[in-house]
Amino acid sequence: SFTNPFGNPCQKHYTKGGSDQLADVVAQTGPKVAS
């Protein structure tokens, strides 16, 4: 946030390469919670 407090640097970090890493890990966590 200190690199661009009015932008979205964190979103850019986690979506670098085209896929949303955080959304992916949420989906991957579902079966773990089910277990």
PDB file of all heavy atoms in Angstrom:
ATOM      1  N   SER A   1       0.818  -1.215   0.000  1.00  0.00           N
ATOM      2  CA  SER A   1       0.000   0.000   0.000  1.00  0.00           C
ATOM      3  C   SER A   1       0.848   1.260   0.000  1.00  0.00           C
ATOM      4  O   SER A   1       0.434   2.306  -0.526  1.00  0.00           O
ATOM      5  CB  SER A   1      -0.955   0.009   1.197  1.00  0.00           C
ATOM      6  OG  SER A   1      -0.276   0.297   2.413  1.00  0.00           O
ATOM      7  N   PHE A   2       2.027   1.191   0.548  1.00  0.00           N
ATOM      8  CA  PHE A   2       2.895   2.369   0.615  1.00  0.00           C
ATOM      9  C   PHE A   2       3.512   2.696  -0.748  1.00  0.00           C
ATOM     10  O   PHE A   2       4.027   3.788  -0.945  1.00  0.00           O
ATOM     11  CB  PHE A   2       3.990   2.171   1.666  1.00  0.00           C
ATOM     12  CG  PHE A   2       3.458   2.210   3.069  1.00  0.00           C
ATOM     13  CD1 PHE A   2       3.124   1.042   3.726  1.00  0.00           C
ATOM     14  CD2 PHE A   2       3.278   3.425   3.717  1.00  0.00           C
ATOM     15  CE1 PHE A   2       2.613   1.071   5.023  1.00  0.00           C
ATOM     16  CE2 PHE A   2       2.765   3.466   5.011  1.00  0.00           C
ATOM     17  CZ  PHE A   2       2.430   2.289   5.666  1.00  0.00           C
ATOM     18  N   THR A   3       3.444   1.750  -1.675  1.00  0.00           N
ATOM     19  CA  THR A   3       3.966   2.014  -3.015  1.00  0.00           C
ATOM     20  C   THR A   3       2.952   2.761  -3.873  1.00  0.00           C
ATOM     21  O   THR A   3       3.325   3.443  -4.827  1.00  0.00           O
ATOM     22  CB  THR A   3       4.347   0.704  -3.735  1.00  0.00           C
ATOM     23  OG1 THR A   3       3.165  -0.060  -4.017  1.00  0.00           O
ATOM     24  CG2 THR A   3       5.294  -0.130  -2.885  1.00  0.00           C
ATOM     25  N   ASN A   4       1.662   2.632  -3.531  1.00  0.00           N
ATOM     26  CA  ASN A   4       0.607   3.296  -4.313  1.00  0.00           C
ATOM     27  C   ASN A   4      -0.677   3.301  -3.491  1.00  0.00           C
ATOM     28  O   ASN A   4      -1.589   2.515  -3.746  1.00  0.00           O
ATOM     29  CB  ASN A   4       0.393   2.569  -5.644  1.00  0.00           C
ATOM     30  CG  ASN A   4      -0.558   3.306  -6.554  1.00  0.00           C
ATOM     31  OD1 ASN A   4      -1.033   4.403  -6.252  1.00  0.00           O
ATOM     32  ND2 ASN A   4      -0.866   2.705  -7.696  1.00  0.00           N
ATOM     33  N   PRO A   5      -0.771   4.191  -2.498  1.00  0.00           N
ATOM     34  CA  PRO A   5      -1.903   4.145  -1.567  1.00  0.00           C
ATOM     35  C   PRO A   5      -3.263   4.383  -2.196  1.00  0.00           C
ATOM     36  O   PRO A   5      -4.286   4.009  -1.614  1.00  0.00           O
ATOM     37  CB  PRO A   5      -1.564   5.239  -0.547  1.00  0.00           C
ATOM     38  CG  PRO A   5      -0.574   6.117  -1.218  1.00  0.00           C
ATOM     39  CD  PRO A   5       0.198   5.237  -2.138  1.00  0.00           C
ATOM     40  N   PHE A   6      -3.317   4.986  -3.378  1.00  0.00           N
ATOM     41  CA  PHE A   6      -4.599   5.245  -4.017  1.00  0.00           C
ATOM     42  C   PHE A   6      -4.877   4.291  -5.176  1.00  0.00           C
ATOM     43  O   PHE A   6      -5.914   4.387  -5.832  1.00  0.00           O
ATOM     44  CB  PHE A   6      -4.659   6.700  -4.503  1.00  0.00           C
ATOM     45  CG  PHE A   6      -4.591   7.691  -3.376  1.00  0.00           C
ATOM     46  CD1 PHE A   6      -3.394   8.314  -3.045  1.00  0.00           C
ATOM     47  CD2 PHE A   6      -5.708   7.971  -2.611  1.00  0.00           C
ATOM     48  CE1 PHE A   6      -3.319   9.204  -1.986  1.00  0.00           C
ATOM     49  CE2 PHE A   6      -5.655   8.865  -1.550  1.00  0.00           C
ATOM     50  CZ  PHE A   6      -4.459   9.482  -1.232  1.00  0.00           C
ATOM     51  N   GLY A   7      -3.961   3.367  -5.412  1.00  0.00           N
ATOM     52  CA  GLY A   7      -4.136   2.388  -6.472  1.00  0.00           C
ATOM     53  C   GLY A   7      -4.527   1.033  -5.937  1.00  0.00           C
ATOM     54  O   GLY A   7      -5.110   0.920  -4.852  1.00  0.00           O
ATOM     55  N   ASN A   8      -4.176  -0.011  -6.689  1.00  0.00           N
ATOM     56  CA  ASN A   8      -4.494  -1.379  -6.278  1.00  0.00           C
ATOM     57  C   ASN A   8      -3.267  -2.284  -6.419  1.00  0.00           C
ATOM     58  O   ASN A   8      -3.309  -3.309  -7.117  1.00  0.00           O
ATOM     59  CB  ASN A   8      -5.656  -1.934  -7.092  1.00  0.00           C
ATOM     60  CG  ASN A   8      -5.380  -1.978  -8.582  1.00  0.00           C
ATOM     61  OD1 ASN A   8      -4.560  -1.207  -9.094  1.00  0.00           O
ATOM     62  ND2 ASN A   8      -6.047  -2.888  -9.286  1.00  0.00           N
ATOM     63  N   PRO A   9      -2.181  -1.954  -5.744  1.00  0.00           N
ATOM     64  CA  PRO A   9      -0.955  -2.748  -5.896  1.00  0.00           C
ATOM     65  C   PRO A   9      -1.090  -4.182  -5.411  1.00  0.00           C
ATOM     66  O   PRO A   9      -0.459  -5.088  -5.957  1.00  0.00           O
ATOM     67  CB  PRO A   9       0.069  -1.971  -5.064  1.00  0.00           C
ATOM     68  CG  PRO A   9      -0.746  -1.228  -4.052  1.00  0.00           C
ATOM     69  CD  PRO A   9      -2.001  -0.847  -4.777  1.00  0.00           C
ATOM     70  N   CYS A  10      -1.930  -4.402  -4.413  1.00  0.00           N
ATOM     71  CA  CYS A  10      -2.091  -5.755  -3.882  1.00  0.00           C
ATOM     72  C   CYS A  10      -2.847  -6.631  -4.879  1.00  0.00           C
ATOM     73  O   CYS A  10      -2.472  -7.785  -5.119  1.00  0.00           O
ATOM     74  CB  CYS A  10      -2.826  -5.701  -2.550  1.00  0.00           C
ATOM     75  SG  CYS A  10      -2.840  -7.268  -1.661  1.00  0.00           S
ATOM     76  N   GLN A  11      -3.885  -6.097  -5.453  1.00  0.00           N
ATOM     77  CA  GLN A  11      -4.620  -6.846  -6.477  1.00  0.00           C
ATOM     78  C   GLN A  11      -3.713  -7.192  -7.647  1.00  0.00           C
ATOM     79  O   GLN A  11      -3.743  -8.322  -8.152  1.00  0.00           O
ATOM     80  CB  GLN A  11      -5.824  -6.039  -6.964  1.00  0.00           C
ATOM     81  CG  GLN A  11      -6.655  -6.779  -7.996  1.00  0.00           C
ATOM     82  CD  GLN A  11      -7.873  -5.990  -8.430  1.00  0.00           C
ATOM     83  OE1 GLN A  11      -7.977  -4.788  -8.200  1.00  0.00           O
ATOM     84  NE2 GLN A  11      -8.828  -6.659  -9.053  1.00  0.00           N
ATOM     85  N   LYS A  12      -2.895  -6.246  -8.076  1.00  0.00           N
ATOM     86  CA  LYS A  12      -1.967  -6.516  -9.178  1.00  0.00           C
ATOM     87  C   LYS A  12      -0.979  -7.607  -8.798  1.00  0.00           C
ATOM     88  O   LYS A  12      -0.619  -8.452  -9.622  1.00  0.00           O
ATOM     89  CB  LYS A  12      -1.231  -5.232  -9.559  1.00  0.00           C
ATOM     90  CG  LYS A  12      -2.117  -4.186 -10.218  1.00  0.00           C
ATOM     91  CD  LYS A  12      -1.335  -2.912 -10.525  1.00  0.00           C
ATOM     92  CE  LYS A  12      -2.222  -1.883 -11.218  1.00  0.00           C
ATOM     93  NZ  LYS A  12      -1.507  -0.607 -11.461  1.00  0.00           N
ATOM     94  N   HIS A  13      -0.547  -7.604  -7.536  1.00  0.00           N
ATOM     95  CA  HIS A  13       0.401  -8.616  -7.059  1.00  0.00           C
ATOM     96  C   HIS A  13      -0.208 -10.016  -7.120  1.00  0.00           C
ATOM     97  O   HIS A  13       0.434 -10.972  -7.577  1.00  0.00           O
ATOM     98  CB  HIS A  13       0.808  -8.279  -5.617  1.00  0.00           C
ATOM     99  CG  HIS A  13       1.609  -9.348  -4.945  1.00  0.00           C
ATOM    100  ND1 HIS A  13       2.948  -9.559  -5.198  1.00  0.00           N
ATOM    101  CD2 HIS A  13       1.255 -10.281  -4.003  1.00  0.00           C
ATOM    102  CE1 HIS A  13       3.396 -10.555  -4.451  1.00  0.00           C
ATOM    103  NE2 HIS A  13       2.385 -11.013  -3.728  1.00  0.00           N
ATOM    104  N   TYR A  14      -1.456 -10.143  -6.665  1.00  0.00           N
ATOM    105  CA  TYR A  14      -2.084 -11.464  -6.579  1.00  0.00           C
ATOM    106  C   TYR A  14      -2.735 -11.922  -7.875  1.00  0.00           C
ATOM    107  O   TYR A  14      -3.165 -13.085  -7.975  1.00  0.00           O
ATOM    108  CB  TYR A  14      -3.104 -11.500  -5.436  1.00  0.00           C
ATOM    109  CG  TYR A  14      -2.450 -11.608  -4.073  1.00  0.00           C
ATOM    110  CD1 TYR A  14      -2.508 -10.555  -3.163  1.00  0.00           C
ATOM    111  CD2 TYR A  14      -1.772 -12.760  -3.700  1.00  0.00           C
ATOM    112  CE1 TYR A  14      -1.911 -10.651  -1.913  1.00  0.00           C
ATOM    113  CE2 TYR A  14      -1.173 -12.879  -2.453  1.00  0.00           C
ATOM    114  CZ  TYR A  14      -1.235 -11.818  -1.567  1.00  0.00           C
ATOM    115  OH  TYR A  14      -0.641 -11.920  -0.329  1.00  0.00           O
ATOM    116  N   THR A  15      -2.823 -11.031  -8.867  1.00  0.00           N
ATOM    117  CA  THR A  15      -3.394 -11.436 -10.156  1.00  0.00           C
ATOM    118  C   THR A  15      -2.357 -11.386 -11.271  1.00  0.00           C
ATOM    119  O   THR A  15      -2.708 -11.489 -12.449  1.00  0.00           O
ATOM    120  CB  THR A  15      -4.599 -10.538 -10.524  1.00  0.00           C
ATOM    121  OG1 THR A  15      -4.184  -9.171 -10.568  1.00  0.00           O
ATOM    122  CG2 THR A  15      -5.724 -10.697  -9.515  1.00  0.00           C
ATOM    123  N   LYS A  16      -1.108 -11.239 -10.876  1.00  0.00           N
ATOM    124  CA  LYS A  16      -0.030 -11.219 -11.871  1.00  0.00           C
ATOM    125  C   LYS A  16      -0.010 -12.544 -12.634  1.00  0.00           C
ATOM    126  O   LYS A  16      -0.072 -13.616 -12.047  1.00  0.00           O
ATOM    127  CB  LYS A  16       1.313 -11.003 -11.168  1.00  0.00           C
ATOM    128  CG  LYS A  16       2.491 -10.781 -12.110  1.00  0.00           C
ATOM    129  CD  LYS A  16       3.792 -10.702 -11.331  1.00  0.00           C
ATOM    130  CE  LYS A  16       3.754  -9.615 -10.267  1.00  0.00           C
ATOM    131  NZ  LYS A  16       5.030  -9.530  -9.502  1.00  0.00           N
ATOM    132  N   GLY A  17       0.053 -12.463 -13.931  1.00  0.00           N
ATOM    133  CA  GLY A  17       0.067 -13.669 -14.747  1.00  0.00           C
ATOM    134  C   GLY A  17      -1.287 -14.065 -15.278  1.00  0.00           C
ATOM    135  O   GLY A  17      -1.411 -15.039 -16.031  1.00  0.00           O
ATOM    136  N   GLY A  18      -2.337 -13.346 -14.839  1.00  0.00           N
ATOM    137  CA  GLY A  18      -3.654 -13.585 -15.419  1.00  0.00           C
ATOM    138  C   GLY A  18      -4.650 -14.324 -14.558  1.00  0.00           C
ATOM    139  O   GLY A  18      -5.851 -14.250 -14.792  1.00  0.00           O
ATOM    140  N   SER A  19      -4.176 -15.060 -13.548  1.00  0.00           N
ATOM    141  CA  SER A  19      -5.109 -15.768 -12.660  1.00  0.00           C
ATOM    142  C   SER A  19      -5.086 -15.124 -11.287  1.00  0.00           C
ATOM    143  O   SER A  19      -4.075 -14.557 -10.866  1.00  0.00           O
ATOM    144  CB  SER A  19      -4.739 -17.245 -12.551  1.00  0.00           C
ATOM    145  OG  SER A  19      -3.489 -17.400 -11.911  1.00  0.00           O
ATOM    146  N   ASP A  20      -6.208 -15.205 -10.596  1.00  0.00           N
ATOM    147  CA  ASP A  20      -6.329 -14.626  -9.258  1.00  0.00           C
ATOM    148  C   ASP A  20      -5.896 -15.677  -8.239  1.00  0.00           C
ATOM    149  O   ASP A  20      -6.628 -16.628  -7.963  1.00  0.00           O
ATOM    150  CB  ASP A  20      -7.771 -14.192  -9.010  1.00  0.00           C
ATOM    151  CG  ASP A  20      -7.933 -13.374  -7.736  1.00  0.00           C
ATOM    152  OD1 ASP A  20      -7.178 -13.609  -6.772  1.00  0.00           O
ATOM    153  OD2 ASP A  20      -8.805 -12.490  -7.710  1.00  0.00           O
ATOM    154  N   GLN A  21      -4.705 -15.497  -7.683  1.00  0.00           N
ATOM    155  CA  GLN A  21      -4.158 -16.490  -6.753  1.00  0.00           C
ATOM    156  C   GLN A  21      -5.041 -16.673  -5.524  1.00  0.00           C
ATOM    157  O   GLN A  21      -5.191 -17.791  -5.021  1.00  0.00           O
ATOM    158  CB  GLN A  21      -2.754 -16.071  -6.318  1.00  0.00           C
ATOM    159  CG  GLN A  21      -1.739 -15.971  -7.446  1.00  0.00           C
ATOM    160  CD  GLN A  21      -0.427 -15.371  -6.968  1.00  0.00           C
ATOM    161  OE1 GLN A  21       0.058 -15.710  -5.893  1.00  0.00           O
ATOM    162  NE2 GLN A  21       0.141 -14.482  -7.769  1.00  0.00           N
ATOM    163  N   LEU A  22      -5.609 -15.578  -5.018  1.00  0.00           N
ATOM    164  CA  LEU A  22      -6.418 -15.670  -3.804  1.00  0.00           C
ATOM    165  C   LEU A  22      -7.748 -16.369  -4.074  1.00  0.00           C
ATOM    166  O   LEU A  22      -8.199 -17.198  -3.282  1.00  0.00           O
ATOM    167  CB  LEU A  22      -6.643 -14.285  -3.209  1.00  0.00           C
ATOM    168  CG  LEU A  22      -5.379 -13.543  -2.766  1.00  0.00           C
ATOM    169  CD1 LEU A  22      -5.734 -12.252  -2.046  1.00  0.00           C
ATOM    170  CD2 LEU A  22      -4.501 -14.421  -1.870  1.00  0.00           C
ATOM    171  N   ALA A  23      -8.371 -16.050  -5.198  1.00  0.00           N
ATOM    172  CA  ALA A  23      -9.610 -16.741  -5.556  1.00  0.00           C
ATOM    173  C   ALA A  23      -9.345 -18.232  -5.751  1.00  0.00           C
ATOM    174  O   ALA A  23     -10.161 -19.075  -5.346  1.00  0.00           O
ATOM    175  CB  ALA A  23     -10.205 -16.126  -6.824  1.00  0.00           C
ATOM    176  N   ASP A  24      -8.213 -18.549  -6.338  1.00  0.00           N
ATOM    177  CA  ASP A  24      -7.855 -19.956  -6.551  1.00  0.00           C
ATOM    178  C   ASP A  24      -7.683 -20.692  -5.233  1.00  0.00           C
ATOM    179  O   ASP A  24      -8.160 -21.830  -5.069  1.00  0.00           O
ATOM    180  CB  ASP A  24      -6.568 -20.055  -7.372  1.00  0.00           C
ATOM    181  CG  ASP A  24      -6.758 -19.620  -8.818  1.00  0.00           C
ATOM    182  OD1 ASP A  24      -7.909 -19.507  -9.267  1.00  0.00           O
ATOM    183  OD2 ASP A  24      -5.731 -19.379  -9.497  1.00  0.00           O
ATOM    184  N   VAL A  25      -7.006 -20.056  -4.276  1.00  0.00           N
ATOM    185  CA  VAL A  25      -6.749 -20.741  -3.007  1.00  0.00           C
ATOM    186  C   VAL A  25      -8.027 -20.869  -2.188  1.00  0.00           C
ATOM    187  O   VAL A  25      -8.198 -21.832  -1.431  1.00  0.00           O
ATOM    188  CB  VAL A  25      -5.619 -20.043  -2.211  1.00  0.00           C
ATOM    189  CG1 VAL A  25      -6.113 -18.775  -1.531  1.00  0.00           C
ATOM    190  CG2 VAL A  25      -5.023 -20.983  -1.172  1.00  0.00           C
ATOM    191  N   VAL A  26      -8.963 -19.930  -2.329  1.00  0.00           N
ATOM    192  CA  VAL A  26     -10.266 -20.081  -1.672  1.00  0.00           C
ATOM    193  C   VAL A  26     -10.956 -21.340  -2.198  1.00  0.00           C
ATOM    194  O   VAL A  26     -11.471 -22.155  -1.419  1.00  0.00           O
ATOM    195  CB  VAL A  26     -11.148 -18.838  -1.902  1.00  0.00           C
ATOM    196  CG1 VAL A  26     -12.594 -19.125  -1.470  1.00  0.00           C
ATOM    197  CG2 VAL A  26     -10.612 -17.646  -1.114  1.00  0.00           C
ATOM    198  N   ALA A  27     -10.961 -21.499  -3.510  1.00  0.00           N
ATOM    199  CA  ALA A  27     -11.581 -22.686  -4.110  1.00  0.00           C
ATOM    200  C   ALA A  27     -10.889 -23.970  -3.662  1.00  0.00           C
ATOM    201  O   ALA A  27     -11.546 -24.985  -3.382  1.00  0.00           O
ATOM    202  CB  ALA A  27     -11.551 -22.566  -5.632  1.00  0.00           C
ATOM    203  N   GLN A  28      -9.570 -23.932  -3.555  1.00  0.00           N
ATOM    204  CA  GLN A  28      -8.809 -25.108  -3.130  1.00  0.00           C
ATOM    205  C   GLN A  28      -9.039 -25.455  -1.663  1.00  0.00           C
ATOM    206  O   GLN A  28      -8.844 -26.604  -1.254  1.00  0.00           O
ATOM    207  CB  GLN A  28      -7.325 -24.865  -3.380  1.00  0.00           C
ATOM    208  CG  GLN A  28      -6.949 -24.752  -4.856  1.00  0.00           C
ATOM    209  CD  GLN A  28      -5.593 -24.102  -5.066  1.00  0.00           C
ATOM    210  OE1 GLN A  28      -4.839 -23.864  -4.128  1.00  0.00           O
ATOM    211  NE2 GLN A  28      -5.284 -23.789  -6.324  1.00  0.00           N
ATOM    212  N   THR A  29      -9.450 -24.457  -0.876  1.00  0.00           N
ATOM    213  CA  THR A  29      -9.666 -24.673   0.556  1.00  0.00           C
ATOM    214  C   THR A  29     -10.997 -25.362   0.830  1.00  0.00           C
ATOM    215  O   THR A  29     -11.157 -26.017   1.863  1.00  0.00           O
ATOM    216  CB  THR A  29      -9.587 -23.324   1.306  1.00  0.00           C
ATOM    217  OG1 THR A  29      -8.278 -22.762   1.107  1.00  0.00           O
ATOM    218  CG2 THR A  29      -9.814 -23.487   2.799  1.00  0.00           C
ATOM    219  N   GLY A  30     -11.947 -25.246  -0.091  1.00  0.00           N
ATOM    220  CA  GLY A  30     -13.254 -25.857   0.118  1.00  0.00           C
ATOM    221  C   GLY A  30     -13.188 -27.346   0.459  1.00  0.00           C
ATOM    222  O   GLY A  30     -13.756 -27.776   1.473  1.00  0.00           O
ATOM    223  N   PRO A  31     -12.501 -28.170  -0.323  1.00  0.00           N
ATOM    224  CA  PRO A  31     -12.408 -29.595   0.012  1.00  0.00           C
ATOM    225  C   PRO A  31     -11.714 -29.863   1.350  1.00  0.00           C
ATOM    226  O   PRO A  31     -12.030 -30.849   2.027  1.00  0.00           O
ATOM    227  CB  PRO A  31     -11.591 -30.163  -1.156  1.00  0.00           C
ATOM    228  CG  PRO A  31     -11.828 -29.208  -2.280  1.00  0.00           C
ATOM    229  CD  PRO A  31     -11.923 -27.869  -1.641  1.00  0.00           C
ATOM    230  N   LYS A  32     -10.782 -28.998   1.735  1.00  0.00           N
ATOM    231  CA  LYS A  32     -10.105 -29.169   3.021  1.00  0.00           C
ATOM    232  C   LYS A  32     -11.082 -28.958   4.182  1.00  0.00           C
ATOM    233  O   LYS A  32     -11.074 -29.712   5.158  1.00  0.00           O
ATOM    234  CB  LYS A  32      -8.931 -28.197   3.140  1.00  0.00           C
ATOM    235  CG  LYS A  32      -7.857 -28.383   2.076  1.00  0.00           C
ATOM    236  CD  LYS A  32      -6.775 -27.316   2.204  1.00  0.00           C
ATOM    237  CE  LYS A  32      -5.735 -27.447   1.113  1.00  0.00           C
ATOM    238  NZ  LYS A  32      -4.694 -26.394   1.200  1.00  0.00           N
ATOM    239  N   VAL A  33     -11.911 -27.926   4.056  1.00  0.00           N
ATOM    240  CA  VAL A  33     -12.919 -27.681   5.092  1.00  0.00           C
ATOM    241  C   VAL A  33     -13.933 -28.819   5.115  1.00  0.00           C
ATOM    242  O   VAL A  33     -14.359 -29.267   6.186  1.00  0.00           O
ATOM    243  CB  VAL A  33     -13.611 -26.325   4.858  1.00  0.00           C
ATOM    244  CG1 VAL A  33     -14.755 -26.114   5.848  1.00  0.00           C
ATOM    245  CG2 VAL A  33     -12.603 -25.179   4.970  1.00  0.00           C
ATOM    246  N   ALA A  34     -14.309 -29.301   3.948  1.00  0.00           N
ATOM    247  CA  ALA A  34     -15.244 -30.425   3.882  1.00  0.00           C
ATOM    248  C   ALA A  34     -14.686 -31.655   4.591  1.00  0.00           C
ATOM    249  O   ALA A  34     -15.416 -32.376   5.285  1.00  0.00           O
ATOM    250  CB  ALA A  34     -15.557 -30.752   2.417  1.00  0.00           C
ATOM    251  N   SER A  35     -13.391 -31.882   4.437  1.00  0.00           N
ATOM    252  CA  SER A  35     -12.751 -33.025   5.104  1.00  0.00           C
ATOM    253  C   SER A  35     -12.767 -32.864   6.618  1.00  0.00           C
ATOM    254  O   SER A  35     -12.963 -33.838   7.356  1.00  0.00           O
ATOM    255  CB  SER A  35     -11.310 -33.177   4.612  1.00  0.00           C
ATOM    256  OG  SER A  35     -11.279 -33.542   3.247  1.00  0.00           O
TER     257      SER A  35
END
